[in-house]
Amino acid sequence: MSPSEADGLPTDYEIAQDVDTDHITEIVEPLGLAADDLELHGDDTAKLTYDAIERLRNSDRDDGDIILVTGMTPTPMGEGKTVTTVGLSQAFNQLGENALAAIREPSLGPVFGVKGGAAGGGYSQVLPMEKINLHFTGDLHALTSAHNLISTMLDNHIKQGNELDIAVNQVQWPRAMDMNDRVLRETVVGLGGEVTGVPREDGFILTAASEMMAVLCLADGLADLKERVGRIIVAYDEDGDPITADDIEATGAVTILLKDALKPNIVQTVEGTPAFVHGGPFANIAHGTNSLIADDAARKLSDYLITEAGFGSDLGAEKFMDVVCRLGDMEPAAVTVVASVRALKYHGKDMWPADLDALDDPDPEAVEGGLENLDAHVENLRGFGVPVVVALNRFPGDTDEEVDVVLDHCREELGIEAAESTVFEDGGAGGTDLAEKLMTAIETNDETFDYLYEAEAPIQEKIETIATEIYGAESVSFQSGARDDIERMNDLGFDDVPIVISKTFHSLSDDAEKKGVPTGWELEIQEVYPSAGAGFLVALTSDVLTLPGLPSDPAAADMDIDPDGTVSGLF
C-alpha cells in the first residue's frame, strides 16, 4: 500500500493525471534555454542537444551548489530519498531560489516487481510519471541493445575462428535485459550444433546493472563515451590478457546506438520545477547516481542542484564522494540524510526478519534505540568535510513524540540541524524548513571537502579504508582469489582508480541481518574485478544479485489499462 492510499490521499498516478503541465519549452525558458536547445519527445519531455551542452560547458556562469540527498540504512520499503529530492527542489523554488532536481531513470524490472517506480511520489514527483516509469525516451532500450551488440559480436568472433584466442570460460560480458526474469540468470548458449555457435555458459543481468550504464553515466560527451566503450573488458584470452570492445571492433556501432541516450532528459515536477531524469546505475556494483552530463548542465542552469545517491550513505554517498566527484571534478556543498521514524524503529527493534507491520505501532523507545544507525551515517558524511542536515521524512502514522525524539537528538546530541519533511503530502511547502536549513549550512560552512582516500593508494588499502571508516568493520579478509585479483589489477595498471565495494544495503555490515551499528565484524572480499570503461574497480563481498526476480505478488499483476487509455495500478 502506498503512503497515499494509507492516508486516504489520491494515488501517485491520480495526482499526476490531475496536474496541468506546461509545455517543456516554457518550463526551461527561465533557465535561458530556447526551443533550439531541445529535442522534443512530446509536449512534456525533451532531451538537451549536444550544442546546448557544449555552450553551457563553456559558459562563464558559476556552477550552482550541489546538495546530495542520501539516507540512513533503509527498511526494505525505502525511506523516500527520491521524494525528498524532488520535494526539496520545489521547496527551494518556493523560497524564490533557482533550483533543479536530477534523479535516475527507473528500470522496468523494479517497476513491475516489488520496488515500484523512481519518479518520486505524492505531490513531489516528476512528470509525466507513467512515461518516466515505462519506456520514457528509450534510453534503457538503447542501453540494452548496445550491451547485447557486444555480446553478439563477441560470440560471433569466437564462432568465426577466434583469432583473438578468447578463452570461452573467461568471457566476462553477459547479456542484459530490462526485466526481472530470474530464470535467465544462468544459461547455456551456442547449443544446436556447429551452425549455431560455440557452446558456453552465459547469463543475463538487468540493464541497470550493466557496466554500459555506468559508462553512459560517467561520460562527459560523445568522444569520451566512445573511448570508455572501447576499453570495456569483455573477456580474457588463453594467456590471461584482457580482450576489449575495441578488440572485437564493437566500439563504433555501440556508440552509435548510445548517441541519443547520452543526451540528458528534461521534464518537470508537479509544481513545474525543471528536473533532469537520466541514467540509473546500480549503487552496489556501480556508482548509483544519475549521469554526470546531466549534473554538469544542471549546475550551469541553477543556483542549487538537488541530486541523490542510491541506498544508504555507506553505499551511495560514499561512492558519490569518492567516485563521481573525483571523476567529475566536482564536490557537494551540503548533504541531507533522509531518515524516517519507521527506519529508526526498524533498527531500534533489531528486526530480522522484518515484521514491517509492527513499524506502524507508536514506539518512541524503539526510535531512540535506532538513532545509533543515523548517527553513524551522519559522522561518516562529516568526515568528507561537508555540512550535514537530517531530513525526517514524516509518514502519516508518526507521532509527535517520535518525531521530537529524532529532531531533539540531532540538534542536542549531534549538533546539527534537522527538519521535518512532509513533501509527499504538501509538495514544496513541506520542505521549505529543510531548504532554509541547508542554505544556512552552506553559507556558514568553513570546512573543506576531501576524499576518503587517495586514488593512488594501494588497492588493498583503499578497500580497508572504506570498510573500517565507513562500514565500521574491525578488519578485512581477502580470500585467495581476491588477492590474486588484486595482483592482476596491479599488473593491468588499475592500481590508481577509485573503488566500488558491493555489499548488502540492508545493513552497515556485510550481513543483512545485523541492524543498528554492528561492531567486531570482519568484511570478507571474494573478488576484485575492473569496470575499465567506467574507470573503477569493483570489490565483491558476496554473490551479487544482478538480475532480480519477481515477488509472489508482482506489481505488474495489479496494473491495467482501460479502452480509453487510462492506466490503473501504476502507484
Protein backbone atom coordinates (compact mmCIF):
# COMPACT_ATOMS: atom_id res chain seq x y z
CA MET A 1 0.00 0.00 0.00
CA SER A 2 1.37 3.40 -0.97
CA PRO A 3 1.54 6.30 1.52
CA SER A 4 -1.25 7.95 -0.49
CA GLU A 5 -3.59 5.02 -0.09
CA ALA A 6 -2.69 4.60 3.58
CA ASP A 7 -3.65 8.21 4.32
CA GLY A 8 -6.67 8.37 2.05
CA LEU A 9 -4.89 10.62 -0.47
CA PRO A 10 -5.15 10.14 -4.22
CA THR A 11 -2.67 7.67 -5.71
CA ASP A 12 0.53 8.94 -7.30
CA TYR A 13 -0.94 8.28 -10.72
CA GLU A 14 -4.15 10.17 -9.89
CA ILE A 15 -2.16 13.15 -8.62
CA ALA A 16 0.00 13.10 -11.75
CA GLN A 17 -3.02 12.94 -14.06
CA ASP A 18 -4.65 15.89 -12.29
CA VAL A 19 -1.73 18.23 -12.97
CA ASP A 20 -1.95 20.61 -15.92
CA THR A 21 1.65 20.57 -17.11
CA ASP A 22 3.22 23.38 -19.09
CA HIS A 23 4.97 22.79 -22.39
CA ILE A 24 8.57 21.83 -21.67
CA THR A 25 9.85 24.83 -23.65
CA GLU A 26 8.03 27.11 -21.20
CA ILE A 27 9.50 25.23 -18.23
CA VAL A 28 13.10 25.72 -19.36
CA GLU A 29 12.77 29.23 -20.81
CA PRO A 30 13.52 30.94 -17.45
CA LEU A 31 16.76 28.94 -17.36
CA GLY A 32 17.94 30.55 -20.57
CA LEU A 33 17.21 27.56 -22.79
CA ALA A 34 15.46 28.07 -26.12
CA ALA A 35 13.44 25.66 -28.23
CA ASP A 36 16.50 25.05 -30.43
CA ASP A 37 18.34 23.69 -27.38
CA LEU A 38 15.85 20.84 -27.06
CA GLU A 39 14.92 17.68 -28.90
CA LEU A 40 11.26 17.25 -28.08
CA HIS A 41 9.69 13.95 -27.09
CA GLY A 42 6.14 15.22 -26.97
CA ASP A 43 4.99 18.37 -25.18
CA ASP A 44 6.30 17.49 -21.72
CA THR A 45 9.66 15.78 -22.29
CA ALA A 46 12.83 16.79 -24.10
CA LYS A 47 16.47 15.95 -24.48
CA LEU A 48 19.17 18.59 -24.26
CA THR A 49 21.09 18.89 -27.54
CA TYR A 50 24.84 18.45 -27.74
CA ASP A 51 25.18 22.06 -28.92
CA ALA A 52 23.37 23.27 -25.80
CA ILE A 53 25.52 21.07 -23.57
CA GLU A 54 28.70 22.42 -25.12
CA ARG A 55 27.50 26.02 -24.82
CA LEU A 56 26.69 25.54 -21.15
CA ARG A 57 30.03 23.84 -20.51
CA ASN A 58 31.89 26.82 -21.98
CA SER A 59 29.71 29.37 -20.20
CA ASP A 60 31.38 31.68 -17.69
CA ARG A 61 28.41 31.28 -15.34
CA ASP A 62 29.39 29.95 -11.91
CA ASP A 63 28.38 26.39 -11.13
CA GLY A 64 25.46 26.04 -8.76
CA ASP A 65 25.81 24.38 -5.35
CA ILE A 66 25.25 20.63 -5.27
CA ILE A 67 23.09 19.25 -2.48
CA LEU A 68 23.30 15.47 -2.21
CA VAL A 69 20.32 13.55 -0.84
CA THR A 70 21.26 10.26 0.81
CA GLY A 71 19.85 8.19 3.65
CA MET A 72 20.30 6.08 6.73
CA THR A 73 20.18 2.30 6.36
CA PRO A 74 16.66 1.83 4.97
CA THR A 75 13.86 -0.63 5.53
CA PRO A 76 13.01 -2.85 2.55
CA MET A 77 10.33 -0.27 1.66
CA GLY A 78 12.75 2.65 1.25
CA GLU A 79 12.59 5.90 3.19
CA GLY A 80 11.85 8.47 0.49
CA LYS A 81 15.11 9.78 -1.00
CA THR A 82 13.61 10.49 -4.41
CA VAL A 83 10.51 12.09 -2.91
CA THR A 84 12.79 14.26 -0.77
CA THR A 85 14.99 15.17 -3.75
CA VAL A 86 12.05 16.26 -5.89
CA GLY A 87 10.25 17.97 -2.99
CA LEU A 88 13.39 19.82 -1.94
CA SER A 89 13.90 21.25 -5.42
CA GLN A 90 10.31 22.52 -5.29
CA ALA A 91 10.89 23.95 -1.81
CA PHE A 92 13.89 25.98 -2.98
CA ASN A 93 11.83 27.42 -5.81
CA GLN A 94 9.01 28.29 -3.40
CA LEU A 95 11.60 30.30 -1.49
CA GLY A 96 12.48 32.20 -4.66
CA GLU A 97 15.69 30.31 -5.35
CA ASN A 98 16.70 28.84 -8.70
CA ALA A 99 16.91 25.08 -8.14
CA LEU A 100 16.81 21.95 -10.29
CA ALA A 101 16.45 18.27 -9.45
CA ALA A 102 18.50 15.48 -11.04
CA ILE A 103 17.46 11.88 -10.46
CA ARG A 104 17.91 8.45 -12.04
CA GLU A 105 15.66 6.81 -14.60
CA PRO A 106 13.53 3.89 -13.39
CA SER A 107 14.20 0.37 -14.61
CA LEU A 108 11.27 -1.72 -15.83
CA GLY A 109 12.33 -4.64 -13.65
CA PRO A 110 11.66 -2.92 -10.32
CA VAL A 111 8.63 -1.10 -11.74
CA PHE A 112 6.87 -4.38 -12.47
CA GLY A 113 8.39 -6.17 -9.50
CA VAL A 114 8.27 -5.00 -5.90
CA LYS A 115 10.19 -1.73 -5.53
CA GLY A 116 7.95 0.40 -7.70
CA GLY A 117 8.89 3.40 -9.76
CA ALA A 118 11.53 6.03 -9.26
CA ALA A 119 9.65 9.21 -10.12
CA GLY A 120 9.05 10.38 -6.55
CA GLY A 121 5.55 10.30 -5.15
CA GLY A 122 2.56 12.23 -3.89
CA TYR A 123 2.94 15.94 -4.53
CA SER A 124 6.70 15.60 -5.03
CA GLN A 125 7.07 13.64 -8.24
CA VAL A 126 8.36 14.22 -11.74
CA LEU A 127 6.02 14.16 -14.72
CA PRO A 128 4.90 12.52 -16.94
CA MET A 129 5.07 9.84 -14.25
CA GLU A 130 3.77 6.94 -16.33
CA LYS A 131 6.15 7.62 -19.24
CA ILE A 132 9.16 8.06 -16.95
CA ASN A 133 8.41 4.75 -15.23
CA LEU A 134 7.85 2.90 -18.51
CA HIS A 135 9.59 3.46 -21.87
CA PHE A 136 10.34 7.19 -21.36
CA THR A 137 12.71 8.33 -24.15
CA GLY A 138 14.04 4.86 -24.90
CA ASP A 139 17.35 5.24 -23.04
CA LEU A 140 17.07 1.88 -21.29
CA HIS A 141 16.20 0.14 -24.56
CA ALA A 142 19.20 1.72 -26.28
CA LEU A 143 21.46 0.58 -23.47
CA THR A 144 20.05 -2.94 -23.65
CA SER A 145 20.66 -3.09 -27.39
CA ALA A 146 24.18 -1.66 -27.06
CA HIS A 147 25.07 -4.13 -24.33
CA ASN A 148 23.77 -7.09 -26.31
CA LEU A 149 25.50 -5.97 -29.50
CA ILE A 150 28.80 -6.52 -27.68
CA SER A 151 27.61 -9.97 -26.61
CA THR A 152 26.62 -10.79 -30.18
CA MET A 153 29.89 -9.61 -31.69
CA LEU A 154 31.88 -11.42 -29.02
CA ASP A 155 30.20 -14.76 -29.69
CA ASN A 156 30.42 -14.19 -33.44
CA HIS A 157 34.15 -13.60 -33.14
CA ILE A 158 34.55 -16.89 -31.31
CA LYS A 159 32.39 -18.68 -33.89
CA GLN A 160 34.25 -17.16 -36.88
CA GLY A 161 37.67 -18.58 -36.00
CA ASN A 162 38.53 -16.82 -32.71
CA GLU A 163 41.61 -15.00 -33.97
CA LEU A 164 42.00 -13.30 -30.59
CA ASP A 165 42.25 -16.70 -28.89
CA ILE A 166 39.47 -15.81 -26.44
CA ALA A 167 39.07 -18.33 -23.63
CA VAL A 168 35.38 -19.27 -23.71
CA ASN A 169 35.40 -19.90 -19.97
CA GLN A 170 36.77 -16.38 -19.41
CA VAL A 171 34.03 -14.38 -21.11
CA GLN A 172 33.16 -11.55 -18.70
CA TRP A 173 30.29 -9.96 -20.63
CA PRO A 174 26.84 -11.48 -20.00
CA ARG A 175 23.68 -10.50 -21.83
CA ALA A 176 21.24 -7.88 -20.50
CA MET A 177 17.52 -7.23 -20.31
CA ASP A 178 15.39 -4.62 -18.56
CA MET A 179 13.11 -7.09 -16.77
CA ASN A 180 13.27 -9.15 -13.58
CA ASP A 181 13.45 -12.64 -15.12
CA ARG A 182 15.28 -14.88 -12.67
CA VAL A 183 15.29 -17.96 -14.91
CA LEU A 184 17.81 -16.25 -17.19
CA ARG A 185 20.45 -15.60 -14.52
CA GLU A 186 22.41 -18.64 -15.65
CA THR A 187 22.07 -20.04 -19.16
CA VAL A 188 23.96 -22.05 -21.78
CA VAL A 189 24.31 -20.55 -25.25
CA GLY A 190 25.54 -22.00 -28.52
CA LEU A 191 23.56 -25.23 -28.38
CA GLY A 192 22.27 -26.76 -31.59
CA GLY A 193 25.34 -27.80 -33.49
CA GLU A 194 28.17 -26.12 -35.32
CA VAL A 195 25.95 -23.75 -37.29
CA THR A 196 24.68 -22.16 -34.04
CA GLY A 197 27.94 -21.29 -32.33
CA VAL A 198 30.33 -22.42 -29.63
CA PRO A 199 28.53 -23.73 -26.52
CA ARG A 200 29.41 -21.96 -23.28
CA GLU A 201 27.88 -20.87 -20.00
CA ASP A 202 26.28 -17.45 -20.06
CA GLY A 203 23.59 -15.45 -18.28
CA PHE A 204 21.62 -12.22 -18.14
CA ILE A 205 21.82 -9.16 -15.93
CA LEU A 206 19.44 -6.25 -15.50
CA THR A 207 20.28 -3.40 -17.89
CA ALA A 208 20.79 -1.05 -14.95
CA ALA A 209 23.48 -3.43 -13.66
CA SER A 210 25.43 -3.33 -16.91
CA GLU A 211 28.78 -1.57 -17.00
CA MET A 212 27.36 0.11 -20.09
CA MET A 213 25.02 2.06 -17.80
CA ALA A 214 27.93 3.18 -15.63
CA VAL A 215 29.88 4.16 -18.75
CA LEU A 216 26.99 6.25 -20.05
CA CYS A 217 26.53 7.99 -16.71
CA LEU A 218 30.21 8.91 -16.32
CA ALA A 219 30.87 10.06 -19.90
CA ASP A 220 31.15 13.82 -20.41
CA GLY A 221 30.43 13.74 -24.14
CA LEU A 222 30.29 11.59 -27.24
CA ALA A 223 34.07 11.31 -27.69
CA ASP A 224 34.54 10.32 -24.05
CA LEU A 225 31.68 7.82 -24.35
CA LYS A 226 33.33 6.19 -27.35
CA GLU A 227 36.67 5.98 -25.54
CA ARG A 228 35.05 4.42 -22.46
CA VAL A 229 33.10 1.88 -24.53
CA GLY A 230 36.28 0.88 -26.34
CA ARG A 231 38.16 -0.02 -23.16
CA ILE A 232 35.40 -2.20 -21.63
CA ILE A 233 36.91 -5.61 -20.87
CA VAL A 234 34.63 -8.28 -22.31
CA ALA A 235 36.80 -11.39 -21.94
CA TYR A 236 40.35 -12.69 -21.43
CA ASP A 237 42.44 -14.71 -23.86
CA GLU A 238 44.17 -18.01 -23.17
CA ASP A 239 47.20 -16.14 -21.80
CA GLY A 240 45.05 -14.14 -19.38
CA ASP A 241 45.32 -10.86 -21.28
CA PRO A 242 42.17 -8.69 -21.48
CA ILE A 243 40.01 -8.52 -24.59
CA THR A 244 38.17 -5.21 -25.01
CA ALA A 245 35.22 -3.94 -27.02
CA ASP A 246 37.80 -2.26 -29.26
CA ASP A 247 39.47 -5.62 -29.87
CA ILE A 248 36.26 -7.16 -31.22
CA GLU A 249 35.57 -3.98 -33.26
CA ALA A 250 32.30 -3.20 -31.48
CA THR A 251 33.08 0.32 -30.28
CA GLY A 252 31.78 2.39 -33.17
CA ALA A 253 28.47 0.58 -33.58
CA VAL A 254 27.81 0.54 -29.84
CA THR A 255 28.45 4.27 -29.58
CA ILE A 256 26.04 4.89 -32.46
CA LEU A 257 23.33 3.07 -30.51
CA LEU A 258 24.03 5.28 -27.48
CA LYS A 259 24.43 8.67 -29.16
CA ASP A 260 20.89 9.81 -28.33
CA ALA A 261 20.72 8.05 -24.95
CA LEU A 262 23.67 10.15 -23.78
CA LYS A 263 21.64 13.36 -24.12
CA PRO A 264 20.04 14.16 -20.73
CA ASN A 265 16.26 14.19 -20.40
CA ILE A 266 14.42 17.24 -19.06
CA VAL A 267 10.95 17.05 -17.52
CA GLN A 268 9.06 18.95 -14.81
CA THR A 269 7.83 18.28 -11.29
CA VAL A 270 4.24 18.54 -10.08
CA GLU A 271 4.93 22.20 -9.26
CA GLY A 272 6.69 22.98 -12.55
CA THR A 273 10.29 22.79 -11.32
CA PRO A 274 12.64 21.65 -14.11
CA ALA A 275 14.18 18.23 -13.49
CA PHE A 276 16.76 16.07 -15.23
CA VAL A 277 15.96 12.35 -15.25
CA HIS A 278 18.85 10.48 -16.81
CA GLY A 279 20.66 7.19 -16.27
CA GLY A 280 20.35 4.72 -13.44
CA PRO A 281 23.34 2.53 -12.49
CA PHE A 282 23.23 0.11 -9.56
CA ALA A 283 24.59 1.56 -6.32
CA ASN A 284 26.49 -1.58 -5.33
CA ILE A 285 28.37 -2.80 -8.43
CA ALA A 286 28.44 0.75 -9.84
CA HIS A 287 28.23 4.32 -8.51
CA GLY A 288 24.44 4.65 -8.17
CA THR A 289 23.76 8.21 -9.32
CA ASN A 290 22.27 9.94 -12.36
CA SER A 291 24.54 11.00 -15.22
CA LEU A 292 27.44 13.39 -14.92
CA ILE A 293 26.45 15.07 -18.17
CA ALA A 294 23.07 15.96 -16.62
CA ASP A 295 24.76 17.24 -13.46
CA ASP A 296 27.15 19.41 -15.47
CA ALA A 297 24.30 21.01 -17.40
CA ALA A 298 22.11 21.44 -14.33
CA ARG A 299 24.88 23.16 -12.37
CA LYS A 300 25.22 25.76 -15.11
CA LEU A 301 21.46 26.32 -15.21
CA SER A 302 20.74 26.66 -11.48
CA ASP A 303 21.99 28.04 -8.20
CA TYR A 304 21.15 24.77 -6.42
CA LEU A 305 21.24 21.27 -7.88
CA ILE A 306 19.43 18.66 -5.78
CA THR A 307 20.58 15.15 -6.63
CA GLU A 308 20.54 11.76 -4.93
CA ALA A 309 22.65 8.65 -4.47
CA GLY A 310 21.29 5.14 -4.18
CA PHE A 311 20.78 3.14 -0.97
CA GLY A 312 22.14 4.42 2.37
CA SER A 313 25.10 6.75 2.65
CA ASP A 314 27.51 3.86 3.25
CA LEU A 315 26.98 2.70 -0.34
CA GLY A 316 25.54 5.59 -2.34
CA ALA A 317 27.00 8.72 -0.77
CA GLU A 318 30.48 7.24 -0.31
CA LYS A 319 30.58 6.35 -4.00
CA PHE A 320 29.27 9.80 -4.94
CA MET A 321 32.09 11.42 -2.96
CA ASP A 322 34.94 9.10 -3.92
CA VAL A 323 33.97 8.07 -7.44
CA VAL A 324 31.56 10.57 -9.02
CA CYS A 325 33.05 13.74 -7.54
CA ARG A 326 36.57 12.54 -8.30
CA LEU A 327 35.85 11.57 -11.91
CA GLY A 328 33.52 14.53 -12.45
CA ASP A 329 35.76 17.13 -10.79
CA MET A 330 33.01 18.45 -8.53
CA GLU A 331 32.06 18.50 -4.87
CA PRO A 332 28.87 18.73 -2.82
CA ALA A 333 28.07 21.91 -0.91
CA ALA A 334 25.90 20.03 1.60
CA VAL A 335 24.30 16.66 2.26
CA THR A 336 20.86 15.87 3.61
CA VAL A 337 20.37 12.45 5.21
CA VAL A 338 16.84 11.12 4.87
CA ALA A 339 15.64 9.35 7.99
CA SER A 340 12.24 8.06 8.98
CA VAL A 341 10.60 7.02 12.21
CA ARG A 342 9.90 3.58 10.78
CA ALA A 343 13.54 3.05 9.75
CA LEU A 344 14.72 4.09 13.21
CA LYS A 345 12.28 1.66 14.80
CA TYR A 346 13.47 -1.00 12.36
CA HIS A 347 16.98 -0.66 13.75
CA GLY A 348 15.92 0.00 17.32
CA LYS A 349 13.91 -3.21 17.41
CA ASP A 350 16.74 -5.14 15.68
CA MET A 351 14.11 -6.68 13.44
CA TRP A 352 15.08 -9.68 11.32
CA PRO A 353 13.25 -10.99 9.54
CA ALA A 354 11.39 -7.74 9.22
CA ASP A 355 7.93 -7.51 10.78
CA LEU A 356 7.10 -4.42 8.79
CA ASP A 357 3.55 -4.18 10.12
CA ALA A 358 4.94 -3.69 13.63
CA LEU A 359 6.64 -0.49 12.47
CA ASP A 360 3.23 1.20 12.36
CA ASP A 361 2.86 0.94 16.15
CA PRO A 362 3.99 4.03 18.12
CA ASP A 363 7.24 3.23 19.92
CA PRO A 364 9.41 6.20 20.93
CA GLU A 365 11.84 3.90 22.76
CA ALA A 366 12.48 1.90 19.60
CA VAL A 367 13.03 5.16 17.71
CA GLU A 368 15.62 6.18 20.27
CA GLY A 369 17.25 2.76 20.04
CA GLY A 370 17.71 3.15 16.28
CA LEU A 371 19.38 6.55 16.45
CA GLU A 372 22.84 4.96 16.54
CA ASN A 373 22.39 3.97 12.90
CA LEU A 374 21.54 7.52 11.89
CA ASP A 375 24.47 8.80 13.96
CA ALA A 376 26.89 6.53 12.10
CA HIS A 377 25.75 7.85 8.72
CA VAL A 378 25.99 11.46 9.88
CA GLU A 379 29.51 11.02 11.28
CA ASN A 380 30.66 9.24 8.11
CA LEU A 381 29.47 12.13 5.97
CA ARG A 382 31.03 14.71 8.26
CA GLY A 383 34.35 13.01 7.57
CA PHE A 384 34.22 14.30 3.99
CA GLY A 385 34.15 17.90 5.21
CA VAL A 386 30.60 18.71 4.10
CA PRO A 387 27.77 20.12 6.25
CA VAL A 388 25.00 17.63 7.05
CA VAL A 389 21.31 18.30 7.68
CA VAL A 390 18.89 15.50 8.58
CA ALA A 391 15.55 15.32 6.75
CA LEU A 392 12.98 13.43 8.79
CA ASN A 393 10.54 12.16 6.17
CA ARG A 394 7.29 12.11 8.10
CA PHE A 395 4.71 9.42 7.44
CA PRO A 396 1.01 9.72 8.38
CA GLY A 397 1.23 7.41 11.40
CA ASP A 398 4.27 9.06 13.01
CA THR A 399 3.50 10.59 16.40
CA ASP A 400 4.74 14.00 17.55
CA GLU A 401 6.62 12.29 20.37
CA GLU A 402 8.50 10.05 17.94
CA VAL A 403 9.34 12.99 15.67
CA ASP A 404 10.59 15.07 18.59
CA VAL A 405 12.91 12.25 19.69
CA VAL A 406 14.70 12.50 16.34
CA LEU A 407 14.79 16.27 15.97
CA ASP A 408 15.94 16.86 19.54
CA HIS A 409 18.66 14.22 19.24
CA CYS A 410 20.10 15.74 16.07
CA ARG A 411 20.23 19.24 17.49
CA GLU A 412 21.29 18.45 21.05
CA GLU A 413 23.45 15.34 20.68
CA LEU A 414 24.84 15.58 17.14
CA GLY A 415 24.95 19.36 16.98
CA ILE A 416 23.43 19.52 13.50
CA GLU A 417 20.21 20.86 12.10
CA ALA A 418 17.27 18.59 11.32
CA ALA A 419 13.92 19.35 9.74
CA GLU A 420 10.63 17.54 9.48
CA SER A 421 9.77 16.97 5.83
CA THR A 422 6.23 16.50 4.54
CA VAL A 423 6.93 16.97 0.84
CA PHE A 424 4.99 13.83 -0.11
CA GLU A 425 1.73 15.27 1.18
CA ASP A 426 2.44 19.00 0.93
CA GLY A 427 4.82 19.33 -2.02
CA GLY A 428 7.46 22.05 -1.86
CA ALA A 429 5.75 23.77 1.07
CA GLY A 430 6.55 20.71 3.18
CA GLY A 431 10.28 21.14 2.60
CA THR A 432 10.94 24.87 2.98
CA ASP A 433 12.26 24.48 6.52
CA LEU A 434 14.71 21.87 5.28
CA ALA A 435 15.75 24.07 2.35
CA GLU A 436 16.38 27.06 4.62
CA LYS A 437 18.50 24.98 6.97
CA LEU A 438 20.54 23.66 4.05
CA MET A 439 21.18 27.17 2.71
CA THR A 440 22.32 28.28 6.15
CA ALA A 441 24.58 25.23 6.46
CA ILE A 442 26.19 26.03 3.12
CA GLU A 443 26.69 29.71 3.96
CA THR A 444 28.26 29.01 7.35
CA ASN A 445 30.41 26.02 6.39
CA ASP A 446 34.11 26.58 6.99
CA GLU A 447 35.33 23.04 6.27
CA THR A 448 36.95 21.78 3.07
CA PHE A 449 35.70 18.82 1.09
CA ASP A 450 38.10 15.90 0.83
CA TYR A 451 38.01 12.34 -0.44
CA LEU A 452 38.16 9.37 1.91
CA TYR A 453 41.30 8.01 0.25
CA GLU A 454 43.85 8.91 -2.38
CA ALA A 455 43.29 7.23 -5.72
CA GLU A 456 46.98 6.34 -5.89
CA ALA A 457 46.87 4.39 -2.62
CA PRO A 458 47.31 0.61 -2.89
CA ILE A 459 44.14 -1.28 -3.84
CA GLN A 460 44.04 -3.26 -0.60
CA GLU A 461 44.50 -0.11 1.46
CA LYS A 462 41.62 1.66 -0.31
CA ILE A 463 39.29 -1.26 0.34
CA GLU A 464 40.33 -1.43 4.00
CA THR A 465 39.80 2.30 4.43
CA ILE A 466 36.21 2.13 3.16
CA ALA A 467 35.47 -0.98 5.21
CA THR A 468 36.80 0.31 8.50
CA GLU A 469 35.99 4.02 8.29
CA ILE A 470 32.58 3.85 6.57
CA TYR A 471 31.13 0.41 7.34
CA GLY A 472 32.68 0.10 10.80
CA ALA A 473 34.43 -3.23 10.12
CA GLU A 474 37.16 -4.25 12.52
CA SER A 475 39.22 -5.77 9.72
CA VAL A 476 39.11 -7.05 6.15
CA SER A 477 39.72 -10.59 4.97
CA PHE A 478 40.84 -11.09 1.37
CA GLN A 479 40.14 -14.55 0.02
CA SER A 480 42.89 -16.14 -2.03
CA GLY A 481 41.07 -15.40 -5.27
CA ALA A 482 40.71 -11.75 -4.31
CA ARG A 483 44.41 -11.47 -3.54
CA ASP A 484 45.19 -12.93 -6.97
CA ASP A 485 42.73 -10.44 -8.48
CA ILE A 486 44.47 -7.51 -6.80
CA GLU A 487 47.83 -8.65 -8.10
CA ARG A 488 46.33 -8.96 -11.56
CA MET A 489 44.76 -5.48 -11.34
CA ASN A 490 48.14 -4.04 -10.43
CA ASP A 491 49.73 -5.75 -13.42
CA LEU A 492 47.00 -4.39 -15.70
CA GLY A 493 47.51 -0.84 -14.46
CA PHE A 494 44.28 -0.46 -12.48
CA ASP A 495 46.00 0.40 -9.21
CA ASP A 496 45.18 4.13 -9.27
CA VAL A 497 41.40 4.13 -9.78
CA PRO A 498 38.54 4.50 -7.26
CA ILE A 499 36.95 1.51 -5.55
CA VAL A 500 33.30 0.40 -5.59
CA ILE A 501 32.53 -2.12 -2.85
CA SER A 502 29.47 -4.27 -3.38
CA LYS A 503 27.67 -5.36 -0.24
CA THR A 504 24.17 -5.58 1.18
CA PHE A 505 22.29 -2.32 1.61
CA HIS A 506 20.20 -3.73 4.46
CA SER A 507 23.00 -3.22 6.99
CA LEU A 508 26.11 -1.16 7.60
CA SER A 509 27.88 -4.52 7.74
CA ASP A 510 28.03 -7.24 5.09
CA ASP A 511 25.33 -9.24 6.90
CA ALA A 512 21.77 -8.15 6.09
CA GLU A 513 20.53 -9.47 9.43
CA LYS A 514 22.68 -7.12 11.52
CA LYS A 515 20.87 -3.89 12.28
CA GLY A 516 21.93 -0.71 14.06
CA VAL A 517 25.71 -0.32 14.07
CA PRO A 518 27.37 -3.77 14.07
CA THR A 519 30.78 -4.00 15.75
CA GLY A 520 33.58 -6.54 15.93
CA TRP A 521 32.98 -7.95 12.47
CA GLU A 522 35.23 -8.68 9.50
CA LEU A 523 34.48 -7.75 5.91
CA GLU A 524 35.25 -10.60 3.52
CA ILE A 525 36.29 -9.73 -0.04
CA GLN A 526 35.60 -12.53 -2.51
CA GLU A 527 36.62 -10.97 -5.81
CA VAL A 528 38.04 -7.79 -7.33
CA TYR A 529 37.44 -7.00 -10.99
CA PRO A 530 37.74 -3.96 -13.27
CA SER A 531 34.97 -1.81 -14.71
CA ALA A 532 37.56 -0.49 -17.13
CA GLY A 533 35.18 1.58 -19.20
CA ALA A 534 33.64 3.24 -16.18
CA GLY A 535 37.01 3.78 -14.56
CA PHE A 536 36.81 1.97 -11.22
CA LEU A 537 37.41 -1.39 -9.57
CA VAL A 538 34.60 -3.45 -8.04
CA ALA A 539 35.24 -5.41 -4.84
CA LEU A 540 32.61 -8.07 -4.21
CA THR A 541 31.77 -9.17 -0.68
CA SER A 542 29.38 -11.91 -1.82
CA ASP A 543 27.40 -13.05 -4.83
CA VAL A 544 25.58 -10.03 -6.24
CA LEU A 545 22.01 -10.36 -7.47
CA THR A 546 22.28 -8.52 -10.79
CA LEU A 547 19.03 -9.93 -12.18
CA PRO A 548 16.29 -9.86 -9.52
CA GLY A 549 13.17 -12.00 -9.81
CA LEU A 550 9.53 -11.08 -9.44
CA PRO A 551 7.94 -11.45 -5.99
CA SER A 552 4.98 -13.73 -5.28
CA ASP A 553 2.65 -10.76 -5.86
CA PRO A 554 4.36 -8.63 -8.52
CA ALA A 555 3.26 -5.05 -9.00
CA ALA A 556 2.54 -5.90 -12.64
CA ALA A 557 -0.36 -8.15 -11.57
CA ASP A 558 -2.27 -5.13 -10.24
CA MET A 559 -1.78 -2.94 -13.32
CA ASP A 560 -4.40 -2.47 -16.02
CA ILE A 561 -5.44 -0.13 -18.79
CA ASP A 562 -8.94 0.89 -19.87
CA PRO A 563 -10.07 1.17 -23.52
CA ASP A 564 -9.68 4.95 -23.28
CA GLY A 565 -6.03 4.58 -22.26
CA THR A 566 -6.46 5.24 -18.53
CA VAL A 567 -3.81 3.35 -16.56
CA SER A 568 -4.51 1.87 -13.12
CA GLY A 569 -2.24 0.22 -10.57
CA LEU A 570 0.82 2.27 -11.53
CA PHE A 571 1.48 3.53 -7.99
